[in-house]
Amino acid sequence: MSRKVVIGLMIMVLLVAAAGAALWWRRAATTRELASLSENTSTPALMRITSPAFEQNDRLPAEYTCDGRNISPPLKFEKLPEGTKSLALVCEDPDAVGGTFIHWVVWNIPVSATDIAAGVVPAGAVEGRTDFGRVGYGGPCPPSGSHRYFFQAFALDAVLDLPAGTDVAGLARAMNGHILDKAGLVGMYR
């Protein structure tokens, strides 16, 4: 091989490595933002998120994954703190190979929508862009192994002024200083 070809290949390898590192860093930064928001609530965690479809740390039924209908699971929010004006929800897979993978981003869920049916986004709620590169729920579909899916609910003291399609990092910035409480539910994919 000529020296120019070898140098060209080395440059391509470096560019691919840099792009992968940038993607990892973006995902890691988003995870840190959500984690820091979760630690800074103004009240002790009393709020709950549950699902009639699966228990905490149980297997997600296939209907809510790419193996089935790939629709969002039914969810229930309980014990919302006083002063809650809206809810936000993020579903993420921290076990993804490239770092935490965002499966669902929703905000401005009305306080009256404490029971969300499967495959439904409550009227008035807004969905954001996921790591699938599109707006809306994208169910678990890992290439291999067991993965955990964290459904994180946030009770907010405001209705957020964010356009549809905002990513989780934008949601995290908008929620900063507005979180009254949080709750989590973990579903498994095996």
Protein backbone atom coordinates (compact mmCIF):
# COMPACT_ATOMS: atom_id res chain seq x y z
CA MET A 1 0.00 0.00 0.00
CA SER A 2 1.21 3.47 -0.74
CA ARG A 3 1.99 5.92 2.03
CA LYS A 4 -0.91 8.18 0.94
CA VAL A 5 -3.41 5.31 1.23
CA VAL A 6 -2.13 4.38 4.70
CA ILE A 7 -2.33 8.01 5.86
CA GLY A 8 -5.83 8.29 4.37
CA LEU A 9 -6.97 5.16 6.20
CA MET A 10 -5.48 6.41 9.48
CA ILE A 11 -7.32 9.72 9.11
CA MET A 12 -10.60 7.87 8.45
CA VAL A 13 -10.10 5.70 11.55
CA LEU A 14 -9.42 8.79 13.66
CA LEU A 15 -12.52 10.56 12.31
CA VAL A 16 -14.74 7.54 13.05
CA ALA A 17 -13.26 7.25 16.56
CA ALA A 18 -13.82 10.97 17.18
CA ALA A 19 -17.45 10.73 16.02
CA GLY A 20 -18.05 7.77 18.35
CA ALA A 21 -16.46 9.61 21.27
CA ALA A 22 -18.62 12.67 20.59
CA LEU A 23 -21.80 10.54 20.60
CA TRP A 24 -20.74 8.82 23.83
CA TRP A 25 -19.95 12.19 25.46
CA ARG A 26 -23.35 13.65 24.44
CA ARG A 27 -25.19 10.66 25.91
CA ALA A 28 -23.08 10.70 29.08
CA ALA A 29 -23.71 14.44 29.53
CA THR A 30 -27.47 13.94 29.17
CA THR A 31 -27.40 11.15 31.74
CA ARG A 32 -25.46 13.37 34.15
CA GLU A 33 -27.99 16.21 33.63
CA LEU A 34 -30.94 13.94 34.43
CA ALA A 35 -29.14 12.44 37.43
CA SER A 36 -28.33 15.85 38.87
CA LEU A 37 -31.92 17.00 38.38
CA SER A 38 -33.19 13.90 40.14
CA GLU A 39 -31.03 14.69 43.17
CA ASN A 40 -32.33 18.24 43.49
CA THR A 41 -36.01 17.93 44.30
CA SER A 42 -37.56 20.21 46.87
CA THR A 43 -39.44 17.46 48.74
CA PRO A 44 -38.70 13.90 49.83
CA ALA A 45 -39.69 11.35 47.17
CA LEU A 46 -43.29 10.31 47.80
CA MET A 47 -44.56 10.22 44.24
CA ARG A 48 -44.98 6.81 42.59
CA ILE A 49 -45.09 5.52 39.03
CA THR A 50 -46.48 2.02 38.42
CA SER A 51 -47.81 -0.02 35.54
CA PRO A 52 -50.62 -2.59 35.45
CA ALA A 53 -48.57 -4.39 32.76
CA PHE A 54 -45.44 -5.13 34.83
CA GLU A 55 -44.06 -4.83 38.35
CA GLN A 56 -40.83 -3.11 39.41
CA ASN A 57 -37.83 -4.98 37.90
CA ASP A 58 -40.10 -7.44 36.05
CA ARG A 59 -39.88 -8.29 32.38
CA LEU A 60 -41.61 -5.87 30.02
CA PRO A 61 -44.35 -7.70 28.10
CA ALA A 62 -43.46 -8.16 24.40
CA GLU A 63 -46.34 -5.88 23.37
CA TYR A 64 -44.29 -2.87 24.55
CA THR A 65 -41.09 -3.90 22.72
CA CYS A 66 -40.01 -4.32 19.10
CA ASP A 67 -40.94 -8.00 19.49
CA GLY A 68 -44.60 -6.99 19.70
CA ARG A 69 -46.68 -3.91 18.89
CA ASN A 70 -43.93 -1.53 20.09
CA ILE A 71 -46.38 0.71 21.94
CA SER A 72 -45.84 2.56 25.20
CA PRO A 73 -46.93 0.65 28.32
CA PRO A 74 -49.82 1.78 30.50
CA LEU A 75 -48.60 3.92 33.39
CA LYS A 76 -50.08 5.26 36.61
CA PHE A 77 -48.86 8.26 38.63
CA GLU A 78 -49.71 8.47 42.32
CA LYS A 79 -49.07 10.81 45.27
CA LEU A 80 -48.28 13.90 43.21
CA PRO A 81 -46.99 16.70 45.42
CA GLU A 82 -49.05 19.79 46.07
CA GLY A 83 -48.34 22.49 43.50
CA THR A 84 -47.74 20.06 40.62
CA LYS A 85 -48.67 21.79 37.36
CA SER A 86 -47.47 19.11 34.92
CA LEU A 87 -45.55 15.86 34.64
CA ALA A 88 -42.59 14.85 32.50
CA LEU A 89 -41.50 11.34 31.61
CA VAL A 90 -38.25 9.91 30.26
CA CYS A 91 -37.61 6.26 29.39
CA GLU A 92 -33.96 5.29 29.06
CA ASP A 93 -31.78 2.19 28.72
CA PRO A 94 -28.54 2.66 30.69
CA ASP A 95 -27.28 -0.74 29.51
CA ALA A 96 -26.98 0.19 25.83
CA VAL A 97 -23.58 -0.48 24.31
CA GLY A 98 -22.94 3.15 23.31
CA GLY A 99 -24.12 4.60 26.62
CA THR A 100 -27.59 5.48 27.89
CA PHE A 101 -30.16 5.28 25.07
CA ILE A 102 -33.31 7.43 25.27
CA HIS A 103 -36.54 5.62 24.28
CA TRP A 104 -39.22 8.16 25.16
CA VAL A 105 -39.39 11.82 26.13
CA VAL A 106 -42.75 13.40 27.13
CA TRP A 107 -43.59 16.60 28.99
CA ASN A 108 -46.60 18.76 29.87
CA ILE A 109 -48.53 15.65 30.85
CA PRO A 110 -51.61 17.11 32.56
CA VAL A 111 -51.91 16.48 36.30
CA SER A 112 -55.35 15.01 35.60
CA ALA A 113 -53.75 12.26 33.44
CA THR A 114 -52.71 10.00 36.30
CA ASP A 115 -53.67 6.85 34.37
CA ILE A 116 -52.17 6.64 30.89
CA ALA A 117 -53.43 3.84 28.64
CA ALA A 118 -51.05 1.72 26.55
CA GLY A 119 -50.01 3.39 23.32
CA VAL A 120 -51.57 6.73 24.29
CA VAL A 121 -50.06 10.16 24.79
CA PRO A 122 -52.42 12.25 26.94
CA ALA A 123 -54.08 15.27 25.33
CA GLY A 124 -51.92 18.33 25.89
CA ALA A 125 -48.70 16.36 26.41
CA VAL A 126 -45.75 16.94 24.08
CA GLU A 127 -43.29 14.31 22.87
CA GLY A 128 -39.60 14.83 22.23
CA ARG A 129 -36.97 13.29 19.99
CA THR A 130 -35.47 9.99 21.13
CA ASP A 131 -32.15 8.39 20.31
CA PHE A 132 -33.96 6.59 17.48
CA GLY A 133 -33.86 10.02 15.80
CA ARG A 134 -37.63 10.45 15.81
CA VAL A 135 -40.42 11.79 18.00
CA GLY A 136 -42.45 9.30 20.02
CA TYR A 137 -42.03 6.07 21.92
CA GLY A 138 -39.52 3.51 20.70
CA GLY A 139 -39.71 0.28 22.61
CA PRO A 140 -36.89 -1.90 23.83
CA CYS A 141 -35.04 -3.64 21.02
CA PRO A 142 -31.47 -4.36 22.16
CA PRO A 143 -29.22 -6.45 19.93
CA SER A 144 -28.39 -8.85 22.77
CA GLY A 145 -28.35 -9.42 26.51
CA SER A 146 -30.50 -8.20 29.38
CA HIS A 147 -31.32 -4.50 29.55
CA ARG A 148 -33.05 -2.33 32.13
CA TYR A 149 -35.53 0.35 31.06
CA PHE A 150 -35.99 3.21 33.50
CA PHE A 151 -39.29 5.10 33.28
CA GLN A 152 -38.54 8.31 35.19
CA ALA A 153 -41.45 10.57 36.09
CA PHE A 154 -40.99 14.16 37.25
CA ALA A 155 -43.63 16.32 38.99
CA LEU A 156 -43.08 19.92 37.88
CA ASP A 157 -44.27 23.24 39.28
CA ALA A 158 -44.66 24.60 35.74
CA VAL A 159 -45.93 23.84 32.26
CA LEU A 160 -42.85 23.86 30.03
CA ASP A 161 -42.54 26.06 26.96
CA LEU A 162 -40.67 23.64 24.70
CA PRO A 163 -41.34 22.77 21.06
CA ALA A 164 -42.23 19.21 20.09
CA GLY A 165 -39.13 17.28 19.12
CA THR A 166 -36.89 18.73 21.83
CA ASP A 167 -34.39 16.11 23.00
CA VAL A 168 -33.86 14.92 26.57
CA ALA A 169 -31.00 17.38 27.16
CA GLY A 170 -33.31 20.28 26.29
CA LEU A 171 -36.00 18.85 28.56
CA ALA A 172 -33.49 18.47 31.41
CA ARG A 173 -32.45 22.12 31.08
CA ALA A 174 -36.08 23.28 31.01
CA MET A 175 -36.97 21.22 34.10
CA ASN A 176 -34.05 22.58 36.13
CA GLY A 177 -35.45 24.39 39.18
CA HIS A 178 -39.01 23.11 38.55
CA ILE A 179 -38.90 19.55 39.91
CA LEU A 180 -41.08 19.00 42.97
CA ASP A 181 -40.67 15.22 43.11
CA LYS A 182 -39.66 12.24 41.02
CA ALA A 183 -40.40 8.54 40.77
CA GLY A 184 -39.02 5.61 38.83
CA LEU A 185 -40.15 2.28 37.46
CA VAL A 186 -37.76 -0.28 35.95
CA GLY A 187 -38.78 -2.85 33.37
CA MET A 188 -36.48 -5.57 32.07
CA TYR A 189 -35.84 -6.92 28.58
CA ARG A 190 -34.20 -10.35 28.31
